[in-house]
PDB file of N, CA and C in Angstrom:
ATOM      1  N   MET A   1     -11.055  13.785   6.968  1.00  0.00           N
ATOM      2  CA  MET A   1     -10.727  12.988   7.923  1.00  0.00           C
ATOM      3  C   MET A   1     -12.393  12.249   8.596  1.00  0.00           C
ATOM      4  N   VAL A   2     -11.929  10.997   8.612  1.00  0.00           N
ATOM      5  CA  VAL A   2     -13.371  10.798   9.194  1.00  0.00           C
ATOM      6  C   VAL A   2     -13.986  11.284  10.507  1.00  0.00           C
ATOM      7  N   LYS A   3     -15.519  11.005  11.066  1.00  0.00           N
ATOM      8  CA  LYS A   3     -16.000  11.319  12.072  1.00  0.00           C
ATOM      9  C   LYS A   3     -15.316  10.914  13.400  1.00  0.00           C
ATOM     10  N   VAL A   4     -15.649  11.263  14.758  1.00  0.00           N
ATOM     11  CA  VAL A   4     -14.912  10.487  15.364  1.00  0.00           C
ATOM     12  C   VAL A   4     -15.690   9.058  15.874  1.00  0.00           C
ATOM     13  N   GLU A   5     -16.947   8.780  15.728  1.00  0.00           N
ATOM     14  CA  GLU A   5     -17.066   7.407  15.762  1.00  0.00           C
ATOM     15  C   GLU A   5     -16.542   6.474  14.796  1.00  0.00           C
ATOM     16  N   ILE A   6     -16.169   6.695  13.402  1.00  0.00           N
ATOM     17  CA  ILE A   6     -15.603   5.981  12.815  1.00  0.00           C
ATOM     18  C   ILE A   6     -14.611   6.078  13.280  1.00  0.00           C
ATOM     19  N   GLN A   7     -14.241   7.063  13.268  1.00  0.00           N
ATOM     20  CA  GLN A   7     -12.041   6.509  13.923  1.00  0.00           C
ATOM     21  C   GLN A   7     -12.393   5.865  15.013  1.00  0.00           C
ATOM     22  N   GLU A   8     -13.455   5.503  16.005  1.00  0.00           N
ATOM     23  CA  GLU A   8     -13.324   4.738  16.958  1.00  0.00           C
ATOM     24  C   GLU A   8     -13.775   2.737  16.226  1.00  0.00           C
ATOM     25  N   GLN A   9     -14.584   3.062  15.604  1.00  0.00           N
ATOM     26  CA  GLN A   9     -14.390   1.629  15.019  1.00  0.00           C
ATOM     27  C   GLN A   9     -13.431   1.624  13.902  1.00  0.00           C
ATOM     28  N   LEU A  10     -12.409   2.128  13.141  1.00  0.00           N
ATOM     29  CA  LEU A  10     -11.714   1.606  13.127  1.00  0.00           C
ATOM     30  C   LEU A  10     -10.134   1.469  14.348  1.00  0.00           C
ATOM     31  N   ALA A  11     -10.328   2.311  14.582  1.00  0.00           N
ATOM     32  CA  ALA A  11      -9.384   2.472  15.910  1.00  0.00           C
ATOM     33  C   ALA A  11      -9.741   0.747  16.484  1.00  0.00           C
ATOM     34  N   GLU A  12     -10.799   0.005  16.593  1.00  0.00           N
ATOM     35  CA  GLU A  12     -11.208  -1.299  16.994  1.00  0.00           C
ATOM     36  C   GLU A  12     -10.738  -2.503  16.487  1.00  0.00           C
ATOM     37  N   ALA A  13     -10.865  -1.772  14.935  1.00  0.00           N
ATOM     38  CA  ALA A  13     -11.117  -2.971  14.072  1.00  0.00           C
ATOM     39  C   ALA A  13      -9.613  -3.200  13.992  1.00  0.00           C
ATOM     40  N   LEU A  14      -8.889  -1.748  13.804  1.00  0.00           N
ATOM     41  CA  LEU A  14      -7.076  -2.129  13.900  1.00  0.00           C
ATOM     42  C   LEU A  14      -6.220  -2.835  14.935  1.00  0.00           C
ATOM     43  N   LEU A  15      -6.893  -2.710  15.972  1.00  0.00           N
ATOM     44  CA  LEU A  15      -6.173  -3.137  17.065  1.00  0.00           C
ATOM     45  C   LEU A  15      -7.280  -5.005  17.187  1.00  0.00           C
ATOM     46  N   GLN A  16      -8.019  -5.188  16.647  1.00  0.00           N
ATOM     47  CA  GLN A  16      -7.966  -7.098  16.811  1.00  0.00           C
ATOM     48  C   GLN A  16      -7.595  -7.268  15.639  1.00  0.00           C
ATOM     49  N   ALA A  17      -7.085  -6.217  14.314  1.00  0.00           N
ATOM     50  CA  ALA A  17      -6.328  -7.195  12.961  1.00  0.00           C
ATOM     51  C   ALA A  17      -4.683  -6.936  13.929  1.00  0.00           C
ATOM     52  N   GLN A  18      -4.298  -6.436  14.562  1.00  0.00           N
ATOM     53  CA  GLN A  18      -2.987  -6.562  15.091  1.00  0.00           C
ATOM     54  C   GLN A  18      -3.046  -7.417  15.914  1.00  0.00           C
ATOM     55  N   THR A  19      -4.039  -7.860  17.353  1.00  0.00           N
ATOM     56  CA  THR A  19      -4.163  -8.780  17.753  1.00  0.00           C
ATOM     57  C   THR A  19      -4.151 -10.125  17.015  1.00  0.00           C
ATOM     58  N   ALA A  20      -4.907 -10.309  16.165  1.00  0.00           N
ATOM     59  CA  ALA A  20      -4.965 -11.195  15.528  1.00  0.00           C
ATOM     60  C   ALA A  20      -3.438 -11.461  14.594  1.00  0.00           C
ATOM     61  N   LEU A  21      -2.514 -10.950  14.543  1.00  0.00           N
ATOM     62  CA  LEU A  21      -1.264 -11.296  13.335  1.00  0.00           C
ATOM     63  C   LEU A  21      -0.467 -11.748  14.943  1.00  0.00           C
ATOM     64  N   LYS A  22      -0.275 -10.992  15.806  1.00  0.00           N
ATOM     65  CA  LYS A  22       0.190 -11.395  16.707  1.00  0.00           C
ATOM     66  C   LYS A  22      -0.255 -13.351  17.488  1.00  0.00           C
ATOM     67  N   GLU A  23      -0.909 -13.582  17.382  1.00  0.00           N
ATOM     68  CA  GLU A  23      -1.856 -14.804  17.329  1.00  0.00           C
ATOM     69  C   GLU A  23      -1.168 -15.409  16.847  1.00  0.00           C
ATOM     70  N   PHE A  24      -0.647 -15.627  15.438  1.00  0.00           N
ATOM     71  CA  PHE A  24       0.548 -15.887  13.755  1.00  0.00           C
ATOM     72  C   PHE A  24       1.704 -15.827  14.521  1.00  0.00           C
ATOM     73  N   GLY A  25       2.345 -14.982  15.506  1.00  0.00           N
ATOM     74  CA  GLY A  25       3.713 -14.810  15.594  1.00  0.00           C
ATOM     75  C   GLY A  25       4.273 -13.988  13.989  1.00  0.00           C
ATOM     76  N   GLU A  26       2.986 -13.448  14.387  1.00  0.00           N
ATOM     77  CA  GLU A  26       3.821 -11.836  12.796  1.00  0.00           C
ATOM     78  C   GLU A  26       3.121 -11.252  13.398  1.00  0.00           C
ATOM     79  N   GLY A  27       3.032  -9.804  12.649  1.00  0.00           N
ATOM     80  CA  GLY A  27       2.497  -8.246  12.789  1.00  0.00           C
ATOM     81  C   GLY A  27       3.527  -7.686  13.144  1.00  0.00           C
ATOM     82  N   LYS A  28       4.841  -7.583  13.623  1.00  0.00           N
ATOM     83  CA  LYS A  28       6.471  -6.811  13.930  1.00  0.00           C
ATOM     84  C   LYS A  28       6.071  -6.315  12.937  1.00  0.00           C
ATOM     85  N   ASN A  29       5.524  -6.009  11.941  1.00  0.00           N
ATOM     86  CA  ASN A  29       5.442  -5.251  10.988  1.00  0.00           C
ATOM     87  C   ASN A  29       4.428  -3.670  10.550  1.00  0.00           C
ATOM     88  N   ASP A  30       3.546  -4.726  11.001  1.00  0.00           N
ATOM     89  CA  ASP A  30       2.029  -3.989  11.550  1.00  0.00           C
ATOM     90  C   ASP A  30       1.725  -2.913  12.807  1.00  0.00           C
ATOM     91  N   ASP A  31       2.650  -3.092  13.566  1.00  0.00           N
ATOM     92  CA  ASP A  31       2.635  -2.741  15.181  1.00  0.00           C
ATOM     93  C   ASP A  31       2.585  -1.187  15.178  1.00  0.00           C
ATOM     94  N   ASP A  32       3.012  -0.457  14.138  1.00  0.00           N
ATOM     95  CA  ASP A  32       2.747   1.149  13.780  1.00  0.00           C
ATOM     96  C   ASP A  32       2.068   1.632  12.750  1.00  0.00           C
ATOM     97  N   VAL A  33       1.404   1.159  12.544  1.00  0.00           N
ATOM     98  CA  VAL A  33       0.165   1.231  11.610  1.00  0.00           C
ATOM     99  C   VAL A  33      -1.228   2.261  12.282  1.00  0.00           C
ATOM    100  N   THR A  34      -0.880   3.332  12.450  1.00  0.00           N
ATOM    101  CA  THR A  34      -1.759   4.105  12.639  1.00  0.00           C
ATOM    102  C   THR A  34      -3.147   4.368  12.266  1.00  0.00           C
ATOM    103  N   ILE A  35      -4.217   4.867  13.314  1.00  0.00           N
ATOM    104  CA  ILE A  35      -5.747   4.067  12.557  1.00  0.00           C
ATOM    105  C   ILE A  35      -5.662   5.237  10.470  1.00  0.00           C
ATOM    106  N   ASP A  36      -4.954   6.183  10.999  1.00  0.00           N
ATOM    107  CA  ASP A  36      -4.863   7.340   9.629  1.00  0.00           C
ATOM    108  C   ASP A  36      -4.457   6.093   8.580  1.00  0.00           C
ATOM    109  N   ASP A  37      -3.037   6.167   9.182  1.00  0.00           N
ATOM    110  CA  ASP A  37      -2.239   4.599   7.732  1.00  0.00           C
ATOM    111  C   ASP A  37      -3.628   3.934   7.482  1.00  0.00           C
ATOM    112  N   PHE A  38      -4.169   2.696   8.344  1.00  0.00           N
ATOM    113  CA  PHE A  38      -5.325   1.852   8.084  1.00  0.00           C
ATOM    114  C   PHE A  38      -6.274   2.959   7.481  1.00  0.00           C
ATOM    115  N   GLU A  39      -6.633   3.732   7.666  1.00  0.00           N
ATOM    116  CA  GLU A  39      -8.021   4.504   6.840  1.00  0.00           C
ATOM    117  C   GLU A  39      -7.346   4.654   5.394  1.00  0.00           C
ATOM    118  N   GLU A  40      -5.883   5.324   5.343  1.00  0.00           N
ATOM    119  CA  GLU A  40      -5.492   5.252   3.867  1.00  0.00           C
ATOM    120  C   GLU A  40      -5.456   3.986   3.318  1.00  0.00           C
ATOM    121  N   MET A  41      -4.835   3.206   3.390  1.00  0.00           N
ATOM    122  CA  MET A  41      -5.125   1.948   3.107  1.00  0.00           C
ATOM    123  C   MET A  41      -5.947   1.491   2.180  1.00  0.00           C
ATOM    124  N   ILE A  42      -6.714   1.244   3.277  1.00  0.00           N
ATOM    125  CA  ILE A  42      -8.319   1.173   2.512  1.00  0.00           C
ATOM    126  C   ILE A  42      -9.354   2.210   1.523  1.00  0.00           C
ATOM    127  N   VAL A  43      -9.027   3.075   1.923  1.00  0.00           N
ATOM    128  CA  VAL A  43      -9.542   3.812   1.395  1.00  0.00           C
ATOM    129  C   VAL A  43      -8.784   4.218  -0.455  1.00  0.00           C
ATOM    130  N   ASP A  44      -7.353   3.910  -1.048  1.00  0.00           N
ATOM    131  CA  ASP A  44      -6.547   4.005  -1.575  1.00  0.00           C
ATOM    132  C   ASP A  44      -7.151   1.928  -2.457  1.00  0.00           C
ATOM    133  N   GLU A  45      -7.213   1.565  -1.644  1.00  0.00           N
ATOM    134  CA  GLU A  45      -7.882  -0.329  -2.224  1.00  0.00           C
ATOM    135  C   GLU A  45      -9.231   0.412  -3.014  1.00  0.00           C
ATOM    136  N   LEU A  46     -10.054   0.724  -2.065  1.00  0.00           N
ATOM    137  CA  LEU A  46     -11.277   1.165  -2.886  1.00  0.00           C
ATOM    138  C   LEU A  46     -10.915   2.295  -4.099  1.00  0.00           C
ATOM    139  N   ASN A  47     -10.338   2.881  -3.777  1.00  0.00           N
ATOM    140  CA  ASN A  47     -10.083   3.891  -5.343  1.00  0.00           C
ATOM    141  C   ASN A  47      -9.374   3.113  -6.322  1.00  0.00           C
ATOM    142  N   GLU A  48      -8.798   1.868  -6.235  1.00  0.00           N
ATOM    143  CA  GLU A  48      -8.054   1.158  -6.789  1.00  0.00           C
ATOM    144  C   GLU A  48      -8.631   0.447  -7.330  1.00  0.00           C
ATOM    145  N   GLU A  49      -9.495   0.446  -7.060  1.00  0.00           N
ATOM    146  CA  GLU A  49     -11.181  -1.455  -7.006  1.00  0.00           C
ATOM    147  C   GLU A  49     -11.976  -0.699  -8.513  1.00  0.00           C
ATOM    148  N   GLY A  50     -11.819   1.010  -8.241  1.00  0.00           N
ATOM    149  CA  GLY A  50     -12.974   2.177  -8.357  1.00  0.00           C
ATOM    150  C   GLY A  50     -14.007   2.063  -8.011  1.00  0.00           C
ATOM    151  N   ILE A  51     -14.080   2.062  -6.372  1.00  0.00           N
ATOM    152  CA  ILE A  51     -15.687   1.879  -6.062  1.00  0.00           C
ATOM    153  C   ILE A  51     -15.553   3.248  -4.620  1.00  0.00           C
ATOM    154  N   PRO A  52     -16.563   3.841  -5.269  1.00  0.00           N
ATOM    155  CA  PRO A  52     -16.890   5.300  -4.573  1.00  0.00           C
ATOM    156  C   PRO A  52     -16.532   4.453  -3.167  1.00  0.00           C
ATOM    157  N   VAL A  53     -15.481   6.398  -2.480  1.00  0.00           N
ATOM    158  CA  VAL A  53     -15.344   5.893  -0.650  1.00  0.00           C
ATOM    159  C   VAL A  53     -16.742   6.803   0.240  1.00  0.00           C
ATOM    160  N   SER A  54     -16.867   5.465   1.027  1.00  0.00           N
ATOM    161  CA  SER A  54     -17.721   6.275   1.859  1.00  0.00           C
ATOM    162  C   SER A  54     -17.618   5.654   3.423  1.00  0.00           C
ATOM    163  N   ASP A  55     -17.756   6.810   4.283  1.00  0.00           N
ATOM    164  CA  ASP A  55     -17.835   6.310   5.951  1.00  0.00           C
ATOM    165  C   ASP A  55     -17.699   4.516   5.692  1.00  0.00           C
ATOM    166  N   GLU A  56     -19.088   4.308   5.226  1.00  0.00           N
ATOM    167  CA  GLU A  56     -19.611   2.952   4.980  1.00  0.00           C
ATOM    168  C   GLU A  56     -19.227   1.832   4.632  1.00  0.00           C
ATOM    169  N   ARG A  57     -18.389   2.821   3.808  1.00  0.00           N
ATOM    170  CA  ARG A  57     -18.069   1.265   3.050  1.00  0.00           C
ATOM    171  C   ARG A  57     -16.315   1.057   3.997  1.00  0.00           C
ATOM    172  N   ILE A  58     -15.457   2.690   3.935  1.00  0.00           N
ATOM    173  CA  ILE A  58     -14.286   2.203   4.722  1.00  0.00           C
ATOM    174  C   ILE A  58     -14.537   1.087   5.989  1.00  0.00           C
ATOM    175  N   VAL A  59     -15.688   1.550   7.226  1.00  0.00           N
ATOM    176  CA  VAL A  59     -16.065   0.680   8.158  1.00  0.00           C
ATOM    177  C   VAL A  59     -15.648  -1.071   7.764  1.00  0.00           C
ATOM    178  N   ALA A  60     -16.459  -1.183   7.101  1.00  0.00           N
ATOM    179  CA  ALA A  60     -17.187  -2.598   6.294  1.00  0.00           C
ATOM    180  C   ALA A  60     -15.690  -2.667   6.237  1.00  0.00           C
ATOM    181  N   VAL A  61     -15.070  -2.407   5.146  1.00  0.00           N
ATOM    182  CA  VAL A  61     -13.627  -2.518   4.994  1.00  0.00           C
ATOM    183  C   VAL A  61     -13.200  -3.194   6.366  1.00  0.00           C
ATOM    184  N   ALA A  62     -13.090  -2.567   7.327  1.00  0.00           N
ATOM    185  CA  ALA A  62     -12.067  -2.342   8.038  1.00  0.00           C
ATOM    186  C   ALA A  62     -12.539  -3.119   9.016  1.00  0.00           C
ATOM    187  N   GLU A  63     -13.476  -3.498   9.397  1.00  0.00           N
ATOM    188  CA  GLU A  63     -14.332  -5.093  10.349  1.00  0.00           C
ATOM    189  C   GLU A  63     -14.387  -5.852   9.711  1.00  0.00           C
ATOM    190  N   TRP A  64     -13.252  -6.623   8.200  1.00  0.00           N
ATOM    191  CA  TRP A  64     -13.244  -7.557   8.064  1.00  0.00           C
ATOM    192  C   TRP A  64     -11.884  -7.620   7.960  1.00  0.00           C
ATOM    193  N   VAL A  65     -11.426  -7.018   8.048  1.00  0.00           N
ATOM    194  CA  VAL A  65      -9.602  -6.951   7.883  1.00  0.00           C
ATOM    195  C   VAL A  65      -9.346  -8.370   9.307  1.00  0.00           C
ATOM    196  N   PRO A  66      -9.873  -8.091  10.067  1.00  0.00           N
ATOM    197  CA  PRO A  66      -9.652  -9.233  11.535  1.00  0.00           C
ATOM    198  C   PRO A  66      -9.610 -10.601  11.075  1.00  0.00           C
ATOM    199  N   ILE A  67     -11.123 -10.579  10.633  1.00  0.00           N
ATOM    200  CA  ILE A  67     -11.599 -12.163  10.091  1.00  0.00           C
ATOM    201  C   ILE A  67     -10.356 -12.060   9.529  1.00  0.00           C
ATOM    202  N   CYS A  68     -10.256 -11.793   7.869  1.00  0.00           N
ATOM    203  CA  CYS A  68      -9.592 -12.222   7.051  1.00  0.00           C
ATOM    204  C   CYS A  68      -7.905 -12.571   7.627  1.00  0.00           C
ATOM    205  N   ILE A  69      -7.877 -12.302   8.517  1.00  0.00           N
ATOM    206  CA  ILE A  69      -6.274 -12.277   8.882  1.00  0.00           C
ATOM    207  C   ILE A  69      -6.400 -13.399   9.791  1.00  0.00           C
ATOM    208  N   GLU A  70      -7.494 -13.244  10.670  1.00  0.00           N
ATOM    209  CA  GLU A  70      -7.608 -15.179  11.692  1.00  0.00           C
ATOM    210  C   GLU A  70      -7.542 -15.643  10.871  1.00  0.00           C
ATOM    211  N   ASP A  71      -8.335 -15.998   9.517  1.00  0.00           N
ATOM    212  CA  ASP A  71      -8.693 -16.990   8.558  1.00  0.00           C
ATOM    213  C   ASP A  71      -7.510 -17.090   8.030  1.00  0.00           C
ATOM    214  N   SER A  72      -6.609 -16.080   7.465  1.00  0.00           N
ATOM    215  CA  SER A  72      -5.711 -16.461   6.634  1.00  0.00           C
ATOM    216  C   SER A  72      -3.644 -15.889   7.206  1.00  0.00           C
ATOM    217  N   GLY A  73      -3.542 -15.444   8.321  1.00  0.00           N
ATOM    218  CA  GLY A  73      -3.014 -15.081   8.938  1.00  0.00           C
ATOM    219  C   GLY A  73      -1.829 -14.267   8.444  1.00  0.00           C
ATOM    220  N   ILE A  74      -2.436 -13.224   7.111  1.00  0.00           N
ATOM    221  CA  ILE A  74      -1.613 -12.307   6.495  1.00  0.00           C
ATOM    222  C   ILE A  74      -1.584 -10.908   6.634  1.00  0.00           C
ATOM    223  N   TYR A  75      -0.998 -10.018   6.552  1.00  0.00           N
ATOM    224  CA  TYR A  75      -0.355  -8.782   7.214  1.00  0.00           C
ATOM    225  C   TYR A  75      -1.785  -8.060   6.626  1.00  0.00           C
ATOM    226  N   ILE A  76      -1.939  -6.933   7.396  1.00  0.00           N
ATOM    227  CA  ILE A  76      -3.043  -5.567   7.589  1.00  0.00           C
ATOM    228  C   ILE A  76      -3.754  -5.589   5.985  1.00  0.00           C
ATOM    229  N   VAL A  77      -2.337  -5.061   5.080  1.00  0.00           N
ATOM    230  CA  VAL A  77      -2.681  -4.167   4.382  1.00  0.00           C
ATOM    231  C   VAL A  77      -2.995  -5.793   2.935  1.00  0.00           C
ATOM    232  N   THR A  78      -2.159  -6.632   3.161  1.00  0.00           N
ATOM    233  CA  THR A  78      -2.939  -7.733   2.486  1.00  0.00           C
ATOM    234  C   THR A  78      -4.213  -8.242   2.521  1.00  0.00           C
ATOM    235  N   ALA A  79      -4.652  -8.170   3.722  1.00  0.00           N
ATOM    236  CA  ALA A  79      -6.106  -8.767   3.897  1.00  0.00           C
ATOM    237  C   ALA A  79      -7.086  -7.026   3.395  1.00  0.00           C
ATOM    238  N   ILE A  80      -6.739  -6.510   3.739  1.00  0.00           N
ATOM    239  CA  ILE A  80      -7.136  -4.999   2.919  1.00  0.00           C
ATOM    240  C   ILE A  80      -7.820  -5.486   1.509  1.00  0.00           C
ATOM    241  N   ILE A  81      -6.549  -5.417   0.860  1.00  0.00           N
ATOM    242  CA  ILE A  81      -6.796  -5.954  -0.944  1.00  0.00           C
ATOM    243  C   ILE A  81      -7.629  -7.409  -0.546  1.00  0.00           C
ATOM    244  N   GLU A  82      -7.637  -8.242  -0.249  1.00  0.00           N
ATOM    245  CA  GLU A  82      -8.404  -9.421   0.021  1.00  0.00           C
ATOM    246  C   GLU A  82      -9.943  -9.331   0.145  1.00  0.00           C
ATOM    247  N   CYS A  83     -10.090  -8.386   1.007  1.00  0.00           N
ATOM    248  CA  CYS A  83     -11.291  -7.903   1.467  1.00  0.00           C
ATOM    249  C   CYS A  83     -11.783  -6.962   0.478  1.00  0.00           C
ATOM    250  N   VAL A  84     -11.148  -5.968   0.032  1.00  0.00           N
ATOM    251  CA  VAL A  84     -12.004  -5.532  -1.249  1.00  0.00           C
ATOM    252  C   VAL A  84     -12.208  -6.697  -2.307  1.00  0.00           C
ATOM    253  N   GLU A  85     -11.143  -6.966  -2.452  1.00  0.00           N
ATOM    254  CA  GLU A  85     -11.775  -7.622  -4.183  1.00  0.00           C
ATOM    255  C   GLU A  85     -12.443  -8.601  -4.138  1.00  0.00           C
ATOM    256  N   SER A  86     -12.171  -9.358  -2.506  1.00  0.00           N
ATOM    257  CA  SER A  86     -13.261 -10.399  -2.941  1.00  0.00           C
ATOM    258  C   SER A  86     -14.551 -10.345  -2.416  1.00  0.00           C
ATOM    259  N   SER A  87     -15.118  -8.931  -2.407  1.00  0.00           N
ATOM    260  CA  SER A  87     -16.012  -8.238  -2.357  1.00  0.00           C
ATOM    261  C   SER A  87     -16.825  -6.948  -2.519  1.00  0.00           C
ATOM    262  N   ILE A  88     -16.760  -6.546  -4.009  1.00  0.00           N
ATOM    263  CA  ILE A  88     -16.788  -5.975  -4.901  1.00  0.00           C
ATOM    264  C   ILE A  88     -17.888  -5.480  -5.387  1.00  0.00           C
ATOM    265  N   ASP A  89     -18.658  -6.637  -5.360  1.00  0.00           N
ATOM    266  CA  ASP A  89     -19.855  -6.856  -5.787  1.00  0.00           C
ATOM    267  C   ASP A  89     -21.105  -5.731  -4.172  1.00  0.00           C
ATOM    268  N   GLU A  90     -20.495  -6.662  -3.587  1.00  0.00           N
ATOM    269  CA  GLU A  90     -21.152  -6.345  -1.760  1.00  0.00           C
ATOM    270  C   GLU A  90     -21.605  -4.918  -1.334  1.00  0.00           C
ATOM    271  N   LEU A  91     -19.613  -4.472  -1.438  1.00  0.00           N
ATOM    272  CA  LEU A  91     -19.466  -2.916  -1.203  1.00  0.00           C
ATOM    273  C   LEU A  91     -19.771  -2.120  -2.115  1.00  0.00           C
ATOM    274  N   MET A  92     -20.453  -2.339  -3.286  1.00  0.00           N
ATOM    275  CA  MET A  92     -20.491  -1.260  -4.516  1.00  0.00           C
ATOM    276  C   MET A  92     -22.676  -1.081  -4.622  1.00  0.00           C
ATOM    277  N   ASN A  93     -23.062  -2.737  -4.471  1.00  0.00           N
ATOM    278  CA  ASN A  93     -24.053  -2.862  -4.104  1.00  0.00           C
ATOM    279  C   ASN A  93     -24.860  -2.566  -2.493  1.00  0.00           C
ATOM    280  N   ASP A  94     -24.287  -2.853  -1.507  1.00  0.00           N
ATOM    281  CA  ASP A  94     -25.087  -2.778  -0.041  1.00  0.00           C
ATOM    282  C   ASP A  94     -24.484  -1.748   0.680  1.00  0.00           C
ATOM    283  N   TYR A  95     -23.755  -1.212   0.408  1.00  0.00           N
ATOM    284  CA  TYR A  95     -23.312  -0.056   1.243  1.00  0.00           C
ATOM    285  C   TYR A  95     -23.173   1.490   0.354  1.00  0.00           C
TER     286      TYR A  95
END
């Protein structure tokens, strides 16, 4: 599991994502997503795309998820997929 400060960043990003979903009148299915679930979904998507997992990459994706939801009104798992797929070069080179 990641460090405490990383957990705090994940918790904040998850709360923002869930709040953004509620603003769209959605998110009932994502209310029960835990911090560990959120982290696991991000790690799974990074692995699926062949991107090495690091704390920095996990936090970067977590911070992008609420923005993606605000822009598109999509669910958390879909936002994670879109964030990773649209940022592969950035994730590989900048983090």
